[in-house]
Amino acid sequence: MKIYTDGSAHPTNPGPGGLAIVVCDDNNNIITTISKQYNTIVTNNQMELLALLIVLKLYGKQKDIPTVYTDSSYALNTYTDWMFGWERKGWIKSDNKIPENLNIIKEYYELIQQGYKINLEKVKAHIGIQANEIADKIAKGEIKSHITI
């Protein structure tokens, strides 16, 4: 299973936002799409993090660990590296500030501690990877034929 995620604050950042998850089989055939829209003021980083959190909750306990692709360096670095150092330092960054989006990050961290797992990889945005392009469009609210949670 391959899963592509994206988050957006659109048309401004911060602004109204959305997130999208595109679930594919191993041959890149789309199985389903999942999205959530936010009419409140959010950032694209919040949406990127929330998309990964939702994937972890939905798919993180499966026998076969899914590979999840994000085009967000911020989300990738937060979840594969930074959060572990922040937790060791009492959720403080190297500049002695509290990380932004800490509520989302802590929830993700707790699930990892409970045994939830995904393989998280970076994919370049806007280079023609179909499922990633669809996730981008859904997150921006341009595609209407999907499941909304």
Foldseek 3Di string as FASTA:
>chain_A
DEKEKFKACPPDFFAKWKIKIFDADPVRHTPAMEMETGRDGDGRVLRRLVRVLVCLVVQQPDPDAYEYEYQDPVNVCLVPPQVVVCVVVVQAHPVRHHDPPVVSSVSSVVSVVVRGDHHYDYDHPPPPPVNNVVRVCVGNVNDDPHHYD
